[in-house]
N, C-alpha and C. Protein backbone atom coordinates (compact mmCIF):
# COMPACT_ATOMS: atom_id res chain seq x y z
N MET A 1 99.83 109.32 66.56
CA MET A 1 99.87 108.12 67.38
C MET A 1 98.68 108.07 68.35
N ILE A 2 98.37 109.22 68.97
CA ILE A 2 97.24 109.26 69.91
C ILE A 2 95.93 109.03 69.17
N GLU A 3 95.82 109.60 67.98
CA GLU A 3 94.60 109.41 67.20
C GLU A 3 94.43 107.94 66.81
N GLU A 4 95.53 107.27 66.46
CA GLU A 4 95.47 105.85 66.11
C GLU A 4 95.04 105.02 67.32
N LEU A 5 95.53 105.39 68.51
CA LEU A 5 95.13 104.69 69.73
C LEU A 5 93.63 104.87 69.98
N TYR A 6 93.15 106.08 69.80
CA TYR A 6 91.72 106.34 69.98
C TYR A 6 90.89 105.49 69.01
N HIS A 7 91.30 105.48 67.75
CA HIS A 7 90.57 104.69 66.75
C HIS A 7 90.65 103.19 67.06
N TYR A 8 91.77 102.75 67.60
CA TYR A 8 91.93 101.34 67.96
C TYR A 8 91.01 100.96 69.12
N LEU A 9 90.98 101.82 70.14
CA LEU A 9 90.17 101.51 71.33
C LEU A 9 88.68 101.53 71.04
N TYR A 10 88.26 102.41 70.12
CA TYR A 10 86.83 102.59 69.89
C TYR A 10 86.38 102.10 68.52
N HIS A 11 87.16 101.20 67.92
CA HIS A 11 86.79 100.50 66.68
C HIS A 11 86.43 101.46 65.54
N LEU A 12 87.27 102.45 65.32
CA LEU A 12 87.01 103.41 64.27
C LEU A 12 87.95 103.26 63.08
N THR A 13 88.70 102.17 63.05
CA THR A 13 89.59 101.91 61.91
C THR A 13 88.90 100.93 60.97
N PRO A 14 89.20 101.00 59.67
CA PRO A 14 88.55 100.10 58.71
C PRO A 14 88.78 98.63 58.99
N ASP A 15 89.94 98.29 59.56
CA ASP A 15 90.25 96.88 59.83
C ASP A 15 89.90 96.48 61.26
N GLY A 16 89.01 97.22 61.90
CA GLY A 16 88.60 96.87 63.25
C GLY A 16 89.43 97.58 64.29
N GLY A 17 89.27 97.20 65.52
CA GLY A 17 90.00 97.83 66.62
C GLY A 17 90.44 96.79 67.62
N ILE A 18 90.32 97.15 68.87
CA ILE A 18 90.75 96.25 69.94
C ILE A 18 89.99 94.92 69.81
N PRO A 19 90.71 93.80 69.74
CA PRO A 19 90.03 92.51 69.48
C PRO A 19 89.31 91.97 70.71
N LEU A 20 88.25 91.23 70.43
CA LEU A 20 87.49 90.60 71.51
C LEU A 20 88.37 89.62 72.29
N LYS A 21 89.16 88.83 71.57
CA LYS A 21 90.01 87.82 72.23
C LYS A 21 91.00 88.48 73.18
N GLY A 22 91.69 89.50 72.70
CA GLY A 22 92.66 90.19 73.55
C GLY A 22 92.02 90.86 74.75
N THR A 23 90.85 91.45 74.52
CA THR A 23 90.12 92.09 75.61
C THR A 23 89.72 91.06 76.66
N GLY A 24 89.21 89.91 76.20
CA GLY A 24 88.81 88.86 77.13
C GLY A 24 89.97 88.32 77.93
N ILE A 25 91.10 88.10 77.27
CA ILE A 25 92.29 87.58 77.97
C ILE A 25 92.78 88.59 78.99
N LEU A 26 92.89 89.86 78.60
CA LEU A 26 93.37 90.89 79.51
C LEU A 26 92.47 91.04 80.73
N LEU A 27 91.16 91.14 80.49
CA LEU A 27 90.23 91.28 81.61
C LEU A 27 90.23 90.05 82.50
N GLY A 28 90.29 88.86 81.88
CA GLY A 28 90.34 87.63 82.66
C GLY A 28 91.56 87.56 83.55
N LEU A 29 92.71 87.95 83.00
CA LEU A 29 93.95 87.94 83.79
C LEU A 29 93.90 88.96 84.93
N ILE A 30 93.34 90.15 84.64
CA ILE A 30 93.24 91.18 85.68
C ILE A 30 92.34 90.69 86.82
N LEU A 31 91.18 90.15 86.46
CA LEU A 31 90.26 89.64 87.49
C LEU A 31 90.88 88.49 88.27
N LEU A 32 91.48 87.56 87.55
CA LEU A 32 92.07 86.38 88.19
C LEU A 32 93.21 86.78 89.12
N ALA A 33 94.13 87.60 88.62
CA ALA A 33 95.29 88.00 89.43
C ALA A 33 94.86 88.81 90.65
N GLY A 34 93.97 89.78 90.45
CA GLY A 34 93.55 90.63 91.56
C GLY A 34 92.82 89.88 92.65
N HIS A 35 91.89 89.02 92.25
CA HIS A 35 91.11 88.29 93.25
C HIS A 35 91.88 87.14 93.87
N LEU A 36 92.79 86.54 93.10
CA LEU A 36 93.64 85.49 93.65
C LEU A 36 94.57 86.08 94.72
N TRP A 37 95.12 87.27 94.42
CA TRP A 37 95.96 87.95 95.41
C TRP A 37 95.15 88.26 96.66
N ALA A 38 93.91 88.73 96.49
CA ALA A 38 93.05 89.06 97.63
C ALA A 38 92.75 87.81 98.46
N TYR A 39 92.59 86.66 97.80
CA TYR A 39 92.28 85.42 98.50
C TYR A 39 93.50 84.88 99.26
N LEU A 40 94.68 84.97 98.61
CA LEU A 40 95.89 84.42 99.21
C LEU A 40 96.52 85.35 100.24
N LYS A 41 96.35 86.68 100.06
CA LYS A 41 96.95 87.66 100.96
C LYS A 41 95.86 88.58 101.52
N PRO A 42 94.95 88.03 102.29
CA PRO A 42 93.81 88.86 102.75
C PRO A 42 94.22 90.03 103.63
N ALA A 43 95.16 89.84 104.53
CA ALA A 43 95.53 90.91 105.46
C ALA A 43 96.12 92.10 104.70
N GLN A 44 97.03 91.82 103.78
CA GLN A 44 97.66 92.90 103.01
C GLN A 44 96.64 93.61 102.13
N THR A 45 95.80 92.85 101.47
CA THR A 45 94.81 93.43 100.56
C THR A 45 93.80 94.26 101.33
N GLN A 46 93.35 93.75 102.47
CA GLN A 46 92.37 94.50 103.27
C GLN A 46 92.96 95.80 103.80
N ALA A 47 94.24 95.75 104.21
CA ALA A 47 94.90 96.98 104.70
C ALA A 47 94.98 98.01 103.57
N PHE A 48 95.33 97.56 102.36
CA PHE A 48 95.39 98.47 101.22
C PHE A 48 94.02 99.06 100.92
N LEU A 49 92.99 98.22 100.92
CA LEU A 49 91.64 98.69 100.59
C LEU A 49 91.11 99.67 101.64
N ARG A 50 91.41 99.42 102.91
CA ARG A 50 90.94 100.35 103.95
C ARG A 50 91.60 101.71 103.82
N ASP A 51 92.85 101.73 103.36
CA ASP A 51 93.58 102.98 103.19
C ASP A 51 93.22 103.70 101.89
N PHE A 52 92.76 102.95 100.89
CA PHE A 52 92.58 103.49 99.55
C PHE A 52 91.62 104.68 99.45
N PRO A 53 90.42 104.65 100.05
CA PRO A 53 89.46 105.74 99.83
C PRO A 53 89.99 107.13 100.15
N ARG A 54 90.89 107.25 101.10
CA ARG A 54 91.41 108.57 101.47
C ARG A 54 92.89 108.74 101.09
N ASN A 55 93.36 107.89 100.20
CA ASN A 55 94.76 107.97 99.77
C ASN A 55 94.88 108.98 98.62
N TYR A 56 95.45 110.14 98.92
CA TYR A 56 95.53 111.22 97.93
C TYR A 56 96.47 110.86 96.78
N ALA A 57 97.56 110.16 97.07
CA ALA A 57 98.53 109.81 96.02
C ALA A 57 97.88 108.93 94.95
N TRP A 58 97.13 107.92 95.38
CA TRP A 58 96.42 107.07 94.42
C TRP A 58 95.40 107.89 93.64
N GLY A 59 94.78 108.84 94.30
CA GLY A 59 93.82 109.69 93.62
C GLY A 59 94.47 110.50 92.51
N VAL A 60 95.64 111.04 92.78
CA VAL A 60 96.36 111.83 91.76
C VAL A 60 96.75 110.95 90.58
N ILE A 61 97.25 109.76 90.86
CA ILE A 61 97.66 108.84 89.79
C ILE A 61 96.48 108.46 88.91
N LEU A 62 95.40 108.01 89.53
CA LEU A 62 94.22 107.56 88.77
C LEU A 62 93.55 108.72 88.04
N LEU A 63 93.47 109.88 88.70
CA LEU A 63 92.84 111.03 88.05
C LEU A 63 93.67 111.53 86.87
N SER A 64 94.99 111.42 86.98
CA SER A 64 95.86 111.82 85.86
C SER A 64 95.64 110.90 84.66
N ILE A 65 95.49 109.60 84.91
CA ILE A 65 95.19 108.66 83.82
C ILE A 65 93.85 109.04 83.18
N CYS A 66 92.85 109.32 84.01
CA CYS A 66 91.54 109.71 83.49
C CYS A 66 91.62 111.01 82.69
N PHE A 67 92.42 111.94 83.16
CA PHE A 67 92.56 113.22 82.47
C PHE A 67 93.13 113.03 81.07
N PHE A 68 94.23 112.29 80.96
CA PHE A 68 94.84 112.09 79.64
C PHE A 68 93.93 111.28 78.72
N TRP A 69 93.25 110.29 79.28
CA TRP A 69 92.30 109.49 78.50
C TRP A 69 91.15 110.38 78.02
N GLY A 70 90.61 111.19 78.92
CA GLY A 70 89.52 112.08 78.57
C GLY A 70 89.93 113.11 77.52
N MET A 71 91.14 113.63 77.64
CA MET A 71 91.62 114.60 76.65
C MET A 71 91.76 113.95 75.28
N MET A 72 92.20 112.70 75.25
CA MET A 72 92.29 111.98 73.98
C MET A 72 90.91 111.85 73.35
N ILE A 73 89.91 111.54 74.16
CA ILE A 73 88.55 111.39 73.63
C ILE A 73 88.03 112.73 73.11
N ILE A 74 88.18 113.78 73.90
CA ILE A 74 87.69 115.10 73.48
C ILE A 74 88.37 115.56 72.20
N GLN A 75 89.66 115.31 72.09
CA GLN A 75 90.43 115.76 70.93
C GLN A 75 89.99 115.06 69.64
N HIS A 76 89.60 113.79 69.73
CA HIS A 76 89.42 113.00 68.52
C HIS A 76 87.99 112.51 68.27
N MET A 77 87.10 112.63 69.23
CA MET A 77 85.75 112.12 69.02
C MET A 77 84.96 112.99 68.05
N ASP A 78 83.99 112.38 67.40
CA ASP A 78 83.09 113.11 66.53
C ASP A 78 82.03 113.77 67.42
N MET A 79 82.05 115.09 67.49
CA MET A 79 81.13 115.81 68.37
C MET A 79 79.88 116.28 67.64
N GLY A 80 79.75 115.91 66.38
CA GLY A 80 78.56 116.26 65.62
C GLY A 80 78.34 117.75 65.57
N GLU A 81 77.13 118.19 65.88
CA GLU A 81 76.78 119.61 65.79
C GLU A 81 77.44 120.45 66.88
N PHE A 82 78.09 119.79 67.86
CA PHE A 82 78.76 120.53 68.92
C PHE A 82 80.27 120.66 68.67
N PHE A 83 80.69 120.43 67.43
CA PHE A 83 82.12 120.44 67.12
C PHE A 83 82.76 121.79 67.47
N HIS A 84 81.97 122.88 67.40
CA HIS A 84 82.52 124.20 67.68
C HIS A 84 82.83 124.40 69.17
N LEU A 85 82.35 123.50 70.03
CA LEU A 85 82.63 123.59 71.46
C LEU A 85 83.90 122.85 71.86
N ARG A 86 84.50 122.14 70.91
CA ARG A 86 85.68 121.33 71.25
C ARG A 86 86.78 122.18 71.90
N ARG A 87 87.07 123.33 71.34
CA ARG A 87 88.17 124.15 71.88
C ARG A 87 87.88 124.60 73.31
N TRP A 88 86.58 124.81 73.64
CA TRP A 88 86.24 125.18 75.00
C TRP A 88 86.43 124.00 75.96
N PHE A 89 86.04 122.81 75.51
CA PHE A 89 86.27 121.63 76.34
C PHE A 89 87.75 121.39 76.58
N LEU A 90 88.58 121.68 75.57
CA LEU A 90 90.02 121.49 75.70
C LEU A 90 90.64 122.49 76.68
N ILE A 91 89.91 123.55 77.01
CA ILE A 91 90.35 124.50 78.03
C ILE A 91 89.74 124.16 79.39
N ILE A 92 88.45 123.85 79.39
CA ILE A 92 87.71 123.62 80.64
C ILE A 92 88.17 122.34 81.34
N VAL A 93 88.41 121.27 80.58
CA VAL A 93 88.78 119.99 81.21
C VAL A 93 90.11 120.07 81.96
N PRO A 94 91.19 120.64 81.37
CA PRO A 94 92.43 120.78 82.16
C PRO A 94 92.24 121.67 83.40
N ALA A 95 91.45 122.74 83.25
CA ALA A 95 91.20 123.61 84.42
C ALA A 95 90.44 122.84 85.49
N GLY A 96 89.46 122.02 85.08
CA GLY A 96 88.72 121.20 86.03
C GLY A 96 89.61 120.17 86.70
N PHE A 97 90.52 119.59 85.94
CA PHE A 97 91.46 118.60 86.49
C PHE A 97 92.29 119.21 87.60
N VAL A 98 92.86 120.39 87.34
CA VAL A 98 93.68 121.08 88.35
C VAL A 98 92.82 121.47 89.55
N GLY A 99 91.61 121.97 89.28
CA GLY A 99 90.72 122.35 90.36
C GLY A 99 90.36 121.18 91.27
N VAL A 100 90.08 120.04 90.67
CA VAL A 100 89.75 118.84 91.47
C VAL A 100 90.94 118.42 92.32
N LEU A 101 92.14 118.46 91.76
CA LEU A 101 93.33 118.07 92.52
C LEU A 101 93.51 118.93 93.77
N PHE A 102 93.17 120.21 93.67
CA PHE A 102 93.40 121.12 94.79
C PHE A 102 92.21 121.26 95.72
N TYR A 103 90.99 121.16 95.18
CA TYR A 103 89.82 121.51 95.98
C TYR A 103 88.86 120.35 96.26
N VAL A 104 89.06 119.20 95.66
CA VAL A 104 88.18 118.04 95.91
C VAL A 104 89.04 116.88 96.41
N ARG A 105 89.74 117.11 97.48
CA ARG A 105 90.67 116.11 98.00
C ARG A 105 89.96 114.96 98.72
N GLU A 106 88.76 115.22 99.20
CA GLU A 106 88.02 114.20 99.95
C GLU A 106 87.59 113.06 99.04
N PHE A 107 88.04 111.86 99.33
CA PHE A 107 87.70 110.66 98.55
C PHE A 107 88.09 110.78 97.07
N ILE A 108 89.16 111.51 96.80
CA ILE A 108 89.54 111.73 95.40
C ILE A 108 89.93 110.42 94.72
N SER A 109 90.51 109.50 95.47
CA SER A 109 90.92 108.22 94.86
C SER A 109 89.70 107.41 94.43
N VAL A 110 88.63 107.46 95.21
CA VAL A 110 87.42 106.72 94.86
C VAL A 110 86.76 107.35 93.64
N ARG A 111 86.67 108.67 93.62
CA ARG A 111 86.09 109.37 92.48
C ARG A 111 86.89 109.09 91.20
N ALA A 112 88.22 109.10 91.34
CA ALA A 112 89.08 108.84 90.18
C ALA A 112 88.93 107.40 89.70
N LEU A 113 88.84 106.46 90.63
CA LEU A 113 88.63 105.06 90.26
C LEU A 113 87.29 104.90 89.54
N GLY A 114 86.25 105.55 90.04
CA GLY A 114 84.95 105.50 89.38
C GLY A 114 85.02 106.06 87.96
N SER A 115 85.73 107.16 87.79
CA SER A 115 85.90 107.75 86.45
C SER A 115 86.64 106.79 85.53
N LEU A 116 87.67 106.14 86.06
CA LEU A 116 88.44 105.20 85.25
C LEU A 116 87.59 103.99 84.85
N MET A 117 86.74 103.54 85.74
CA MET A 117 85.83 102.43 85.42
C MET A 117 84.87 102.82 84.29
N LEU A 118 84.37 104.06 84.34
CA LEU A 118 83.49 104.54 83.28
C LEU A 118 84.21 104.63 81.95
N LEU A 119 85.44 105.11 81.97
CA LEU A 119 86.21 105.22 80.73
C LEU A 119 86.57 103.85 80.17
N ALA A 120 86.93 102.92 81.04
CA ALA A 120 87.35 101.59 80.58
C ALA A 120 86.19 100.80 79.99
N ALA A 121 84.98 101.10 80.41
CA ALA A 121 83.82 100.35 79.91
C ALA A 121 83.61 100.56 78.41
N GLY A 122 83.97 101.74 77.90
CA GLY A 122 83.75 102.04 76.48
C GLY A 122 84.45 101.08 75.53
N PRO A 123 85.78 100.94 75.64
CA PRO A 123 86.48 99.98 74.78
C PRO A 123 86.03 98.54 74.98
N MET A 124 85.63 98.18 76.21
CA MET A 124 85.13 96.83 76.47
C MET A 124 83.87 96.58 75.66
N LEU A 125 82.95 97.54 75.67
CA LEU A 125 81.70 97.38 74.93
C LEU A 125 81.95 97.40 73.42
N CYS A 126 82.90 98.22 72.98
CA CYS A 126 83.25 98.26 71.56
C CYS A 126 83.81 96.92 71.10
N ALA A 127 84.62 96.29 71.94
CA ALA A 127 85.23 95.01 71.56
C ALA A 127 84.18 93.91 71.40
N ALA A 128 83.13 93.96 72.21
CA ALA A 128 82.11 92.90 72.17
C ALA A 128 80.94 93.22 71.24
N PHE A 129 80.89 94.43 70.72
CA PHE A 129 79.74 94.88 69.93
C PHE A 129 79.58 94.05 68.65
N LEU A 130 78.38 93.50 68.45
CA LEU A 130 78.01 92.73 67.26
C LEU A 130 78.85 91.47 67.04
N GLN A 131 79.50 90.98 68.07
CA GLN A 131 80.25 89.73 67.94
C GLN A 131 79.26 88.56 68.06
N PRO A 132 79.48 87.49 67.31
CA PRO A 132 78.48 86.41 67.28
C PRO A 132 78.46 85.50 68.50
N GLN A 133 79.57 85.39 69.21
CA GLN A 133 79.63 84.43 70.31
C GLN A 133 78.74 84.86 71.48
N LEU A 134 77.95 83.93 71.98
CA LEU A 134 77.11 84.24 73.14
C LEU A 134 77.95 84.53 74.37
N SER A 135 79.11 83.88 74.46
CA SER A 135 79.98 84.07 75.62
C SER A 135 80.57 85.48 75.67
N ARG A 136 80.43 86.25 74.58
CA ARG A 136 80.92 87.62 74.57
C ARG A 136 80.21 88.45 75.64
N LEU A 137 79.02 87.99 76.06
CA LEU A 137 78.22 88.74 77.04
C LEU A 137 78.93 88.86 78.39
N LEU A 138 79.92 88.01 78.63
CA LEU A 138 80.69 88.14 79.86
C LEU A 138 81.37 89.50 79.95
N ILE A 139 81.77 90.05 78.81
CA ILE A 139 82.44 91.35 78.81
C ILE A 139 81.45 92.49 79.02
N PRO A 140 80.34 92.57 78.27
CA PRO A 140 79.38 93.65 78.55
C PRO A 140 78.78 93.60 79.95
N ILE A 141 78.57 92.40 80.49
CA ILE A 141 78.06 92.31 81.86
C ILE A 141 79.02 92.99 82.83
N LEU A 142 80.32 92.69 82.67
CA LEU A 142 81.34 93.32 83.51
C LEU A 142 81.39 94.82 83.26
N ALA A 143 81.30 95.22 81.97
CA ALA A 143 81.36 96.64 81.63
C ALA A 143 80.21 97.41 82.26
N TYR A 144 78.99 96.87 82.17
CA TYR A 144 77.85 97.57 82.75
C TYR A 144 77.90 97.57 84.27
N ALA A 145 78.45 96.54 84.87
CA ALA A 145 78.66 96.55 86.32
C ALA A 145 79.63 97.66 86.70
N TRP A 146 80.71 97.81 85.92
CA TRP A 146 81.67 98.89 86.17
C TRP A 146 81.02 100.26 85.98
N ILE A 147 80.15 100.39 84.98
CA ILE A 147 79.47 101.67 84.74
C ILE A 147 78.60 102.05 85.93
N ILE A 148 77.82 101.10 86.41
CA ILE A 148 76.92 101.38 87.54
C ILE A 148 77.72 101.70 88.80
N VAL A 149 78.70 100.85 89.10
CA VAL A 149 79.53 101.08 90.29
C VAL A 149 80.33 102.36 90.14
N GLY A 150 80.85 102.61 88.94
CA GLY A 150 81.64 103.82 88.70
C GLY A 150 80.83 105.09 88.95
N MET A 151 79.57 105.11 88.51
CA MET A 151 78.73 106.28 88.73
C MET A 151 78.52 106.53 90.23
N PHE A 152 78.31 105.45 90.99
CA PHE A 152 78.15 105.61 92.43
C PHE A 152 79.44 106.07 93.08
N PHE A 153 80.59 105.54 92.62
CA PHE A 153 81.87 105.96 93.19
C PHE A 153 82.13 107.45 92.94
N VAL A 154 81.75 107.94 91.77
CA VAL A 154 81.96 109.36 91.46
C VAL A 154 81.02 110.23 92.28
N GLY A 155 79.75 109.85 92.33
CA GLY A 155 78.75 110.69 92.99
C GLY A 155 78.62 110.48 94.49
N MET A 156 78.84 109.26 94.95
CA MET A 156 78.69 108.93 96.37
C MET A 156 79.89 108.08 96.81
N PRO A 157 81.09 108.67 96.85
CA PRO A 157 82.31 107.88 97.09
C PRO A 157 82.37 107.19 98.45
N PHE A 158 81.62 107.71 99.40
CA PHE A 158 81.63 107.08 100.73
C PHE A 158 81.08 105.66 100.67
N LEU A 159 80.33 105.32 99.62
CA LEU A 159 79.81 103.96 99.50
C LEU A 159 80.92 102.93 99.35
N MET A 160 82.04 103.33 98.73
CA MET A 160 83.15 102.39 98.61
C MET A 160 83.73 102.09 99.99
N ARG A 161 83.90 103.14 100.79
CA ARG A 161 84.39 102.94 102.16
C ARG A 161 83.48 102.00 102.92
N ASP A 162 82.16 102.23 102.80
CA ASP A 162 81.19 101.39 103.50
C ASP A 162 81.23 99.95 102.99
N ALA A 163 81.37 99.78 101.67
CA ALA A 163 81.44 98.44 101.09
C ALA A 163 82.68 97.70 101.55
N ILE A 164 83.81 98.42 101.62
CA ILE A 164 85.06 97.80 102.09
C ILE A 164 84.91 97.38 103.55
N THR A 165 84.32 98.25 104.36
CA THR A 165 84.10 97.92 105.77
C THR A 165 83.22 96.68 105.90
N TRP A 166 82.17 96.60 105.08
CA TRP A 166 81.25 95.46 105.15
C TRP A 166 81.91 94.17 104.71
N VAL A 167 82.64 94.18 103.59
CA VAL A 167 83.20 92.93 103.07
C VAL A 167 84.40 92.45 103.89
N THR A 168 85.11 93.38 104.54
CA THR A 168 86.27 92.97 105.34
C THR A 168 85.89 92.61 106.78
N ALA A 169 84.64 92.86 107.16
CA ALA A 169 84.23 92.58 108.55
C ALA A 169 84.04 91.10 108.81
N ASN A 170 83.88 90.31 107.77
CA ASN A 170 83.58 88.89 107.93
C ASN A 170 84.44 88.09 106.94
N PRO A 171 85.24 87.13 107.43
CA PRO A 171 86.08 86.34 106.52
C PRO A 171 85.29 85.59 105.46
N ALA A 172 84.08 85.15 105.78
CA ALA A 172 83.26 84.43 104.80
C ALA A 172 82.88 85.35 103.64
N ARG A 173 82.55 86.60 103.95
CA ARG A 173 82.22 87.57 102.89
C ARG A 173 83.43 87.83 102.01
N TRP A 174 84.58 88.00 102.67
CA TRP A 174 85.81 88.27 101.93
C TRP A 174 86.14 87.11 100.99
N ASN A 175 86.04 85.88 101.51
CA ASN A 175 86.34 84.71 100.68
C ASN A 175 85.34 84.57 99.54
N LEU A 176 84.07 84.83 99.80
CA LEU A 176 83.06 84.75 98.75
C LEU A 176 83.34 85.77 97.64
N ALA A 177 83.67 87.00 98.03
CA ALA A 177 83.98 88.03 97.04
C ALA A 177 85.22 87.65 96.23
N SER A 178 86.25 87.16 96.90
CA SER A 178 87.49 86.78 96.22
C SER A 178 87.27 85.61 95.27
N ILE A 179 86.59 84.58 95.74
CA ILE A 179 86.36 83.39 94.91
C ILE A 179 85.45 83.72 93.73
N SER A 180 84.46 84.58 93.94
CA SER A 180 83.58 84.99 92.84
C SER A 180 84.37 85.68 91.74
N GLY A 181 85.28 86.56 92.13
CA GLY A 181 86.13 87.23 91.14
C GLY A 181 87.05 86.26 90.41
N ILE A 182 87.58 85.29 91.15
CA ILE A 182 88.44 84.28 90.53
C ILE A 182 87.65 83.47 89.50
N ILE A 183 86.46 83.04 89.87
CA ILE A 183 85.62 82.24 88.96
C ILE A 183 85.28 83.03 87.71
N TYR A 184 84.90 84.29 87.88
CA TYR A 184 84.55 85.11 86.71
C TYR A 184 85.76 85.30 85.80
N GLY A 185 86.92 85.52 86.42
CA GLY A 185 88.15 85.66 85.63
C GLY A 185 88.49 84.40 84.86
N VAL A 186 88.34 83.25 85.50
CA VAL A 186 88.60 81.98 84.83
C VAL A 186 87.62 81.75 83.68
N LEU A 187 86.34 82.01 83.92
CA LEU A 187 85.34 81.87 82.86
C LEU A 187 85.66 82.76 81.67
N LEU A 188 86.07 83.99 81.95
CA LEU A 188 86.39 84.94 80.88
C LEU A 188 87.63 84.48 80.11
N LEU A 189 88.61 83.97 80.84
CA LEU A 189 89.82 83.45 80.17
C LEU A 189 89.49 82.26 79.29
N ILE A 190 88.69 81.32 79.80
CA ILE A 190 88.32 80.13 79.02
C ILE A 190 87.55 80.54 77.77
N ALA A 191 86.58 81.46 77.95
CA ALA A 191 85.79 81.91 76.80
C ALA A 191 86.69 82.60 75.77
N ALA A 192 87.62 83.42 76.25
CA ALA A 192 88.50 84.15 75.32
C ALA A 192 89.41 83.19 74.56
N LEU A 193 89.95 82.21 75.25
CA LEU A 193 90.90 81.28 74.61
C LEU A 193 90.22 80.29 73.70
N LEU A 194 88.99 79.89 74.02
CA LEU A 194 88.33 78.83 73.24
C LEU A 194 87.33 79.34 72.22
N PHE A 195 86.67 80.46 72.49
CA PHE A 195 85.55 80.85 71.64
C PHE A 195 85.72 82.18 70.91
N TYR A 196 86.57 83.06 71.43
CA TYR A 196 86.69 84.38 70.79
C TYR A 196 87.64 84.33 69.60
């Protein structure tokens, strides 16, 4: 079952994998719902975001998702000439996961979120790969934005704290960020429903 999920997410089955339409609808709904909530409930959302960078519980949850996702990839990916290292990775990654939980508590939620963004970008790019619709580019643009932001969150997690402080300091900035996300979500939903 796990192998079938891996093949589905990364388009390794003969009949294709995760569909562009489904990916577009899911991402559009996530963007729309998240940013609409932020626009309608700014005080609650801002309080959550200010607490998030140092919230250890969220870090454990997100890092656990990343761990299981990463283990699925290591177990089933084609490692080419490094196939003989697979068993070592299957030992080192769980040890690293436990070590991070105990010894890298500072900004662990931000690092875990960055890792999840990096992992999620893969299936997004696979879904849009070689698709004929020009509007498919909405998904890779979002995926590459997540990749860039995710790398900074993993390596320099304090930047998320600084970004949250900056965007929540001014209601106009907050509204602009929320409305931008809503618009992108709507565009992605329209493209998915009409063109994918």
